Amino acid sequence: MTKEAIIEKLKPIVQPFVKNEEAFKNLNDTTDFITDLNINSANLVDIVLDIEEAFHIEIDNESMEKMLTVENTVAIIQKKLAAQ
């Protein structure tokens, strides 16, 4: 799955938790979920659970801790999909 396709699938998962709509409109690789989108860490867990369901993958705790930027999240999703 391409990076662009993953990002398009991520947007509706992340959007309900976003507190900074302007940053969300300009979402890119370097967007940080906590500092840029103002998503709290509890909501990040919800996002990871939704990602697991949407992409039919399992994300371990070590990977989850790295999923703070769009770029890292896409890389982890791609890695998990490739391992299936």
PDB file of N, CA and C in Angstrom:
ATOM      1  N   MET A   1       0.856  -1.183   0.000  1.00  0.00           N
ATOM      2  CA  MET A   1       0.000   0.000   0.000  1.00  0.00           C
ATOM      3  C   MET A   1       0.898   1.241   0.000  1.00  0.00           C
ATOM      4  N   THR A   2       0.568   2.200  -0.832  1.00  0.00           N
ATOM      5  CA  THR A   2       1.404   3.399  -0.929  1.00  0.00           C
ATOM      6  C   THR A   2       1.229   4.300   0.289  1.00  0.00           C
ATOM      7  N   LYS A   3       2.231   5.143   0.487  1.00  0.00           N
ATOM      8  CA  LYS A   3       2.175   6.103   1.595  1.00  0.00           C
ATOM      9  C   LYS A   3       0.933   6.981   1.481  1.00  0.00           C
ATOM     10  N   GLU A   4       0.648   7.442   0.270  1.00  0.00           N
ATOM     11  CA  GLU A   4      -0.506   8.318   0.038  1.00  0.00           C
ATOM     12  C   GLU A   4      -1.813   7.613   0.386  1.00  0.00           C
ATOM     13  N   ALA A   5      -1.923   6.346  -0.007  1.00  0.00           N
ATOM     14  CA  ALA A   5      -3.142   5.573   0.283  1.00  0.00           C
ATOM     15  C   ALA A   5      -3.317   5.382   1.791  1.00  0.00           C
ATOM     16  N   ILE A   6      -2.213   5.138   2.472  1.00  0.00           N
ATOM     17  CA  ILE A   6      -2.279   4.961   3.927  1.00  0.00           C
ATOM     18  C   ILE A   6      -2.705   6.267   4.593  1.00  0.00           C
ATOM     19  N   ILE A   7      -2.133   7.385   4.162  1.00  0.00           N
ATOM     20  CA  ILE A   7      -2.490   8.684   4.746  1.00  0.00           C
ATOM     21  C   ILE A   7      -3.965   8.991   4.520  1.00  0.00           C
ATOM     22  N   GLU A   8      -4.465   8.693   3.339  1.00  0.00           N
ATOM     23  CA  GLU A   8      -5.890   8.932   3.054  1.00  0.00           C
ATOM     24  C   GLU A   8      -6.778   8.085   3.960  1.00  0.00           C
ATOM     25  N   LYS A   9      -6.336   6.877   4.267  1.00  0.00           N
ATOM     26  CA  LYS A   9      -7.098   5.993   5.154  1.00  0.00           C
ATOM     27  C   LYS A   9      -6.950   6.416   6.623  1.00  0.00           C
ATOM     28  N   LEU A  10      -5.815   7.070   6.933  1.00  0.00           N
ATOM     29  CA  LEU A  10      -5.565   7.537   8.307  1.00  0.00           C
ATOM     30  C   LEU A  10      -6.405   8.756   8.674  1.00  0.00           C
ATOM     31  N   LYS A  11      -6.605   9.646   7.714  1.00  0.00           N
ATOM     32  CA  LYS A  11      -7.275  10.927   8.000  1.00  0.00           C
ATOM     33  C   LYS A  11      -8.608  10.769   8.727  1.00  0.00           C
ATOM     34  N   PRO A  12      -9.531   9.942   8.214  1.00  0.00           N
ATOM     35  CA  PRO A  12     -10.815   9.828   8.941  1.00  0.00           C
ATOM     36  C   PRO A  12     -10.692   9.148  10.307  1.00  0.00           C
ATOM     37  N   ILE A  13      -9.624   8.379  10.513  1.00  0.00           N
ATOM     38  CA  ILE A  13      -9.396   7.745  11.821  1.00  0.00           C
ATOM     39  C   ILE A  13      -8.938   8.792  12.835  1.00  0.00           C
ATOM     40  N   VAL A  14      -8.066   9.683  12.395  1.00  0.00           N
ATOM     41  CA  VAL A  14      -7.464  10.682  13.274  1.00  0.00           C
ATOM     42  C   VAL A  14      -8.383  11.881  13.515  1.00  0.00           C
ATOM     43  N   GLN A  15      -9.150  12.272  12.512  1.00  0.00           N
ATOM     44  CA  GLN A  15      -9.918  13.524  12.561  1.00  0.00           C
ATOM     45  C   GLN A  15     -10.808  13.709  13.792  1.00  0.00           C
ATOM     46  N   PRO A  16     -11.530  12.699  14.260  1.00  0.00           N
ATOM     47  CA  PRO A  16     -12.400  12.941  15.434  1.00  0.00           C
ATOM     48  C   PRO A  16     -11.656  13.390  16.695  1.00  0.00           C
ATOM     49  N   PHE A  17     -10.356  13.135  16.754  1.00  0.00           N
ATOM     50  CA  PHE A  17      -9.577  13.447  17.957  1.00  0.00           C
ATOM     51  C   PHE A  17      -8.775  14.743  17.825  1.00  0.00           C
ATOM     52  N   VAL A  18      -8.792  15.338  16.643  1.00  0.00           N
ATOM     53  CA  VAL A  18      -7.976  16.524  16.360  1.00  0.00           C
ATOM     54  C   VAL A  18      -8.533  17.755  17.067  1.00  0.00           C
ATOM     55  N   LYS A  19      -7.638  18.494  17.742  1.00  0.00           N
ATOM     56  CA  LYS A  19      -8.037  19.744  18.402  1.00  0.00           C
ATOM     57  C   LYS A  19      -7.559  20.963  17.607  1.00  0.00           C
ATOM     58  N   ASN A  20      -6.668  20.751  16.637  1.00  0.00           N
ATOM     59  CA  ASN A  20      -6.147  21.844  15.818  1.00  0.00           C
ATOM     60  C   ASN A  20      -6.492  21.575  14.355  1.00  0.00           C
ATOM     61  N   GLU A  21      -7.647  22.075  13.929  1.00  0.00           N
ATOM     62  CA  GLU A  21      -8.141  21.813  12.570  1.00  0.00           C
ATOM     63  C   GLU A  21      -7.205  22.362  11.492  1.00  0.00           C
ATOM     64  N   GLU A  22      -6.584  23.504  11.755  1.00  0.00           N
ATOM     65  CA  GLU A  22      -5.688  24.116  10.770  1.00  0.00           C
ATOM     66  C   GLU A  22      -4.500  23.193  10.480  1.00  0.00           C
ATOM     67  N   ALA A  23      -3.915  22.637  11.517  1.00  0.00           N
ATOM     68  CA  ALA A  23      -2.797  21.705  11.343  1.00  0.00           C
ATOM     69  C   ALA A  23      -3.257  20.441  10.622  1.00  0.00           C
ATOM     70  N   PHE A  24      -4.490  20.003  10.900  1.00  0.00           N
ATOM     71  CA  PHE A  24      -5.014  18.808  10.240  1.00  0.00           C
ATOM     72  C   PHE A  24      -5.168  19.040   8.738  1.00  0.00           C
ATOM     73  N   LYS A  25      -5.603  20.239   8.354  1.00  0.00           N
ATOM     74  CA  LYS A  25      -5.744  20.561   6.924  1.00  0.00           C
ATOM     75  C   LYS A  25      -4.410  20.487   6.203  1.00  0.00           C
ATOM     76  N   ASN A  26      -3.332  20.777   6.926  1.00  0.00           N
ATOM     77  CA  ASN A  26      -1.989  20.771   6.348  1.00  0.00           C
ATOM     78  C   ASN A  26      -1.202  19.516   6.730  1.00  0.00           C
ATOM     79  N   LEU A  27      -1.911  18.445   7.014  1.00  0.00           N
ATOM     80  CA  LEU A  27      -1.294  17.185   7.433  1.00  0.00           C
ATOM     81  C   LEU A  27      -0.224  16.741   6.437  1.00  0.00           C
ATOM     82  N   ASN A  28       0.962  16.404   6.961  1.00  0.00           N
ATOM     83  CA  ASN A  28       2.035  15.885   6.112  1.00  0.00           C
ATOM     84  C   ASN A  28       2.904  14.931   6.928  1.00  0.00           C
ATOM     85  N   ASP A  29       4.012  14.471   6.343  1.00  0.00           N
ATOM     86  CA  ASP A  29       4.885  13.487   7.000  1.00  0.00           C
ATOM     87  C   ASP A  29       5.350  13.918   8.383  1.00  0.00           C
ATOM     88  N   THR A  30       5.644  15.197   8.530  1.00  0.00           N
ATOM     89  CA  THR A  30       6.225  15.668   9.790  1.00  0.00           C
ATOM     90  C   THR A  30       5.184  16.042  10.835  1.00  0.00           C
ATOM     91  N   THR A  31       3.913  15.942  10.502  1.00  0.00           N
ATOM     92  CA  THR A  31       2.861  16.278  11.466  1.00  0.00           C
ATOM     93  C   THR A  31       2.970  15.361  12.689  1.00  0.00           C
ATOM     94  N   ASP A  32       3.033  15.978  13.853  1.00  0.00           N
ATOM     95  CA  ASP A  32       3.101  15.255  15.124  1.00  0.00           C
ATOM     96  C   ASP A  32       1.695  15.239  15.729  1.00  0.00           C
ATOM     97  N   PHE A  33       1.222  14.057  16.075  1.00  0.00           N
ATOM     98  CA  PHE A  33      -0.145  13.931  16.587  1.00  0.00           C
ATOM     99  C   PHE A  33      -0.366  14.726  17.873  1.00  0.00           C
ATOM    100  N   ILE A  34       0.622  14.733  18.750  1.00  0.00           N
ATOM    101  CA  ILE A  34       0.450  15.399  20.041  1.00  0.00           C
ATOM    102  C   ILE A  34       0.706  16.905  19.934  1.00  0.00           C
ATOM    103  N   THR A  35       1.863  17.308  19.420  1.00  0.00           N
ATOM    104  CA  THR A  35       2.206  18.734  19.423  1.00  0.00           C
ATOM    105  C   THR A  35       1.500  19.523  18.331  1.00  0.00           C
ATOM    106  N   ASP A  36       1.316  18.938  17.146  1.00  0.00           N
ATOM    107  CA  ASP A  36       0.683  19.680  16.053  1.00  0.00           C
ATOM    108  C   ASP A  36      -0.845  19.585  16.069  1.00  0.00           C
ATOM    109  N   LEU A  37      -1.356  18.388  16.270  1.00  0.00           N
ATOM    110  CA  LEU A  37      -2.814  18.199  16.213  1.00  0.00           C
ATOM    111  C   LEU A  37      -3.478  18.282  17.584  1.00  0.00           C
ATOM    112  N   ASN A  38      -2.662  18.399  18.634  1.00  0.00           N
ATOM    113  CA  ASN A  38      -3.164  18.500  20.013  1.00  0.00           C
ATOM    114  C   ASN A  38      -4.032  17.306  20.425  1.00  0.00           C
ATOM    115  N   ILE A  39      -3.620  16.133  20.000  1.00  0.00           N
ATOM    116  CA  ILE A  39      -4.311  14.902  20.392  1.00  0.00           C
ATOM    117  C   ILE A  39      -3.660  14.403  21.682  1.00  0.00           C
ATOM    118  N   ASN A  40      -4.475  14.071  22.680  1.00  0.00           N
ATOM    119  CA  ASN A  40      -3.872  13.605  23.937  1.00  0.00           C
ATOM    120  C   ASN A  40      -3.494  12.126  23.846  1.00  0.00           C
ATOM    121  N   SER A  41      -2.636  11.700  24.748  1.00  0.00           N
ATOM    122  CA  SER A  41      -2.082  10.346  24.670  1.00  0.00           C
ATOM    123  C   SER A  41      -3.154   9.264  24.821  1.00  0.00           C
ATOM    124  N   ALA A  42      -4.193   9.532  25.586  1.00  0.00           N
ATOM    125  CA  ALA A  42      -5.276   8.548  25.719  1.00  0.00           C
ATOM    126  C   ALA A  42      -5.978   8.351  24.372  1.00  0.00           C
ATOM    127  N   ASN A  43      -6.170   9.440  23.651  1.00  0.00           N
ATOM    128  CA  ASN A  43      -6.796   9.331  22.336  1.00  0.00           C
ATOM    129  C   ASN A  43      -5.883   8.640  21.329  1.00  0.00           C
ATOM    130  N   LEU A  44      -4.567   8.760  21.519  1.00  0.00           N
ATOM    131  CA  LEU A  44      -3.636   8.059  20.630  1.00  0.00           C
ATOM    132  C   LEU A  44      -3.849   6.553  20.710  1.00  0.00           C
ATOM    133  N   VAL A  45      -4.156   6.057  21.886  1.00  0.00           N
ATOM    134  CA  VAL A  45      -4.439   4.624  22.047  1.00  0.00           C
ATOM    135  C   VAL A  45      -5.677   4.263  21.229  1.00  0.00           C
ATOM    136  N   ASP A  46      -6.708   5.097  21.290  1.00  0.00           N
ATOM    137  CA  ASP A  46      -7.913   4.858  20.488  1.00  0.00           C
ATOM    138  C   ASP A  46      -7.579   4.845  19.002  1.00  0.00           C
ATOM    139  N   ILE A  47      -6.736   5.771  18.577  1.00  0.00           N
ATOM    140  CA  ILE A  47      -6.343   5.852  17.172  1.00  0.00           C
ATOM    141  C   ILE A  47      -5.617   4.578  16.756  1.00  0.00           C
ATOM    142  N   VAL A  48      -4.696   4.107  17.595  1.00  0.00           N
ATOM    143  CA  VAL A  48      -3.956   2.879  17.273  1.00  0.00           C
ATOM    144  C   VAL A  48      -4.913   1.696  17.154  1.00  0.00           C
ATOM    145  N   LEU A  49      -5.881   1.604  18.051  1.00  0.00           N
ATOM    146  CA  LEU A  49      -6.872   0.514  17.975  1.00  0.00           C
ATOM    147  C   LEU A  49      -7.672   0.602  16.679  1.00  0.00           C
ATOM    148  N   ASP A  50      -8.046   1.816  16.288  1.00  0.00           N
ATOM    149  CA  ASP A  50      -8.784   2.008  15.041  1.00  0.00           C
ATOM    150  C   ASP A  50      -7.919   1.671  13.831  1.00  0.00           C
ATOM    151  N   ILE A  51      -6.623   1.995  13.905  1.00  0.00           N
ATOM    152  CA  ILE A  51      -5.693   1.661  12.820  1.00  0.00           C
ATOM    153  C   ILE A  51      -5.583   0.140  12.683  1.00  0.00           C
ATOM    154  N   GLU A  52      -5.466  -0.555  13.809  1.00  0.00           N
ATOM    155  CA  GLU A  52      -5.383  -2.020  13.774  1.00  0.00           C
ATOM    156  C   GLU A  52      -6.596  -2.613  13.063  1.00  0.00           C
ATOM    157  N   GLU A  53      -7.758  -2.069  13.390  1.00  0.00           N
ATOM    158  CA  GLU A  53      -8.997  -2.567  12.794  1.00  0.00           C
ATOM    159  C   GLU A  53      -9.081  -2.223  11.307  1.00  0.00           C
ATOM    160  N   ALA A  54      -8.762  -0.998  10.951  1.00  0.00           N
ATOM    161  CA  ALA A  54      -8.885  -0.547   9.564  1.00  0.00           C
ATOM    162  C   ALA A  54      -7.906  -1.259   8.625  1.00  0.00           C
ATOM    163  N   PHE A  55      -6.697  -1.518   9.129  1.00  0.00           N
ATOM    164  CA  PHE A  55      -5.666  -2.122   8.275  1.00  0.00           C
ATOM    165  C   PHE A  55      -5.497  -3.626   8.522  1.00  0.00           C
ATOM    166  N   HIS A  56      -6.272  -4.174   9.458  1.00  0.00           N
ATOM    167  CA  HIS A  56      -6.204  -5.604   9.797  1.00  0.00           C
ATOM    168  C   HIS A  56      -4.784  -6.013  10.179  1.00  0.00           C
ATOM    169  N   ILE A  57      -4.195  -5.241  11.098  1.00  0.00           N
ATOM    170  CA  ILE A  57      -2.841  -5.517  11.592  1.00  0.00           C
ATOM    171  C   ILE A  57      -2.845  -5.467  13.104  1.00  0.00           C
ATOM    172  N   GLU A  58      -1.761  -5.971  13.697  1.00  0.00           N
ATOM    173  CA  GLU A  58      -1.602  -5.902  15.144  1.00  0.00           C
ATOM    174  C   GLU A  58      -0.361  -5.062  15.442  1.00  0.00           C
ATOM    175  N   ILE A  59      -0.517  -4.087  16.318  1.00  0.00           N
ATOM    176  CA  ILE A  59       0.574  -3.179  16.639  1.00  0.00           C
ATOM    177  C   ILE A  59       1.022  -3.425  18.071  1.00  0.00           C
ATOM    178  N   ASP A  60       2.296  -3.803  18.217  1.00  0.00           N
ATOM    179  CA  ASP A  60       2.839  -4.074  19.547  1.00  0.00           C
ATOM    180  C   ASP A  60       3.135  -2.757  20.263  1.00  0.00           C
ATOM    181  N   ASN A  61       3.352  -2.839  21.566  1.00  0.00           N
ATOM    182  CA  ASN A  61       3.575  -1.638  22.383  1.00  0.00           C
ATOM    183  C   ASN A  61       4.787  -0.839  21.937  1.00  0.00           C
ATOM    184  N   GLU A  62       5.863  -1.535  21.557  1.00  0.00           N
ATOM    185  CA  GLU A  62       7.076  -0.847  21.111  1.00  0.00           C
ATOM    186  C   GLU A  62       6.792   0.007  19.877  1.00  0.00           C
ATOM    187  N   SER A  63       6.051  -0.553  18.928  1.00  0.00           N
ATOM    188  CA  SER A  63       5.687   0.201  17.721  1.00  0.00           C
ATOM    189  C   SER A  63       4.744   1.342  18.053  1.00  0.00           C
ATOM    190  N   MET A  64       3.796   1.081  18.953  1.00  0.00           N
ATOM    191  CA  MET A  64       2.815   2.092  19.335  1.00  0.00           C
ATOM    192  C   MET A  64       3.496   3.344  19.891  1.00  0.00           C
ATOM    193  N   GLU A  65       4.547   3.139  20.681  1.00  0.00           N
ATOM    194  CA  GLU A  65       5.265   4.265  21.285  1.00  0.00           C
ATOM    195  C   GLU A  65       5.947   5.142  20.243  1.00  0.00           C
ATOM    196  N   LYS A  66       6.219   4.581  19.063  1.00  0.00           N
ATOM    197  CA  LYS A  66       6.896   5.330  17.999  1.00  0.00           C
ATOM    198  C   LYS A  66       5.916   6.052  17.079  1.00  0.00           C
ATOM    199  N   MET A  67       4.634   5.767  17.223  1.00  0.00           N
ATOM    200  CA  MET A  67       3.619   6.304  16.315  1.00  0.00           C
ATOM    201  C   MET A  67       3.181   7.715  16.728  1.00  0.00           C
ATOM    202  N   LEU A  68       4.126   8.642  16.741  1.00  0.00           N
ATOM    203  CA  LEU A  68       3.823  10.006  17.161  1.00  0.00           C
ATOM    204  C   LEU A  68       3.729  10.969  15.978  1.00  0.00           C
ATOM    205  N   THR A  69       4.328  10.602  14.854  1.00  0.00           N
ATOM    206  CA  THR A  69       4.236  11.438  13.658  1.00  0.00           C
ATOM    207  C   THR A  69       3.572  10.641  12.545  1.00  0.00           C
ATOM    208  N   VAL A  70       3.095  11.358  11.552  1.00  0.00           N
ATOM    209  CA  VAL A  70       2.471  10.703  10.402  1.00  0.00           C
ATOM    210  C   VAL A  70       3.489   9.781   9.729  1.00  0.00           C
ATOM    211  N   GLU A  71       4.710  10.279   9.549  1.00  0.00           N
ATOM    212  CA  GLU A  71       5.753   9.502   8.872  1.00  0.00           C
ATOM    213  C   GLU A  71       6.031   8.174   9.581  1.00  0.00           C
ATOM    214  N   ASN A  72       6.205   8.217  10.900  1.00  0.00           N
ATOM    215  CA  ASN A  72       6.462   6.987  11.663  1.00  0.00           C
ATOM    216  C   ASN A  72       5.270   6.048  11.616  1.00  0.00           C
ATOM    217  N   THR A  73       4.084   6.598  11.698  1.00  0.00           N
ATOM    218  CA  THR A  73       2.868   5.782  11.669  1.00  0.00           C
ATOM    219  C   THR A  73       2.737   5.064  10.334  1.00  0.00           C
ATOM    220  N   VAL A  74       2.961   5.784   9.245  1.00  0.00           N
ATOM    221  CA  VAL A  74       2.885   5.176   7.909  1.00  0.00           C
ATOM    222  C   VAL A  74       3.932   4.071   7.778  1.00  0.00           C
ATOM    223  N   ALA A  75       5.152   4.336   8.243  1.00  0.00           N
ATOM    224  CA  ALA A  75       6.226   3.338   8.153  1.00  0.00           C
ATOM    225  C   ALA A  75       5.870   2.066   8.919  1.00  0.00           C
ATOM    226  N   ILE A  76       5.302   2.226  10.102  1.00  0.00           N
ATOM    227  CA  ILE A  76       4.925   1.063  10.915  1.00  0.00           C
ATOM    228  C   ILE A  76       3.792   0.299  10.253  1.00  0.00           C
ATOM    229  N   ILE A  77       2.805   1.003   9.724  1.00  0.00           N
ATOM    230  CA  ILE A  77       1.697   0.330   9.025  1.00  0.00           C
ATOM    231  C   ILE A  77       2.241  -0.441   7.825  1.00  0.00           C
ATOM    232  N   GLN A  78       3.121   0.179   7.034  1.00  0.00           N
ATOM    233  CA  GLN A  78       3.689  -0.492   5.863  1.00  0.00           C
ATOM    234  C   GLN A  78       4.467  -1.748   6.281  1.00  0.00           C
ATOM    235  N   LYS A  79       5.243  -1.637   7.359  1.00  0.00           N
ATOM    236  CA  LYS A  79       6.022  -2.764   7.853  1.00  0.00           C
ATOM    237  C   LYS A  79       5.116  -3.908   8.287  1.00  0.00           C
ATOM    238  N   LYS A  80       4.054  -3.573   9.007  1.00  0.00           N
ATOM    239  CA  LYS A  80       3.123  -4.600   9.491  1.00  0.00           C
ATOM    240  C   LYS A  80       2.371  -5.262   8.328  1.00  0.00           C
ATOM    241  N   LEU A  81       1.980  -4.453   7.335  1.00  0.00           N
ATOM    242  CA  LEU A  81       1.283  -5.006   6.175  1.00  0.00           C
ATOM    243  C   LEU A  81       2.203  -5.929   5.379  1.00  0.00           C
ATOM    244  N   ALA A  82       3.461  -5.552   5.255  1.00  0.00           N
ATOM    245  CA  ALA A  82       4.428  -6.359   4.505  1.00  0.00           C
ATOM    246  C   ALA A  82       4.710  -7.691   5.200  1.00  0.00           C
ATOM    247  N   ALA A  83       4.576  -7.715   6.518  1.00  0.00           N
ATOM    248  CA  ALA A  83       4.870  -8.919   7.289  1.00  0.00           C
ATOM    249  C   ALA A  83       3.724  -9.940   7.268  1.00  0.00           C
ATOM    250  N   GLN A  84       2.593  -9.543   6.727  1.00  0.00           N
ATOM    251  CA  GLN A  84       1.427 -10.454   6.721  1.00  0.00           C
ATOM    252  C   GLN A  84       1.581 -11.560   5.702  1.00  0.00           C
TER     253      GLN A  84
END
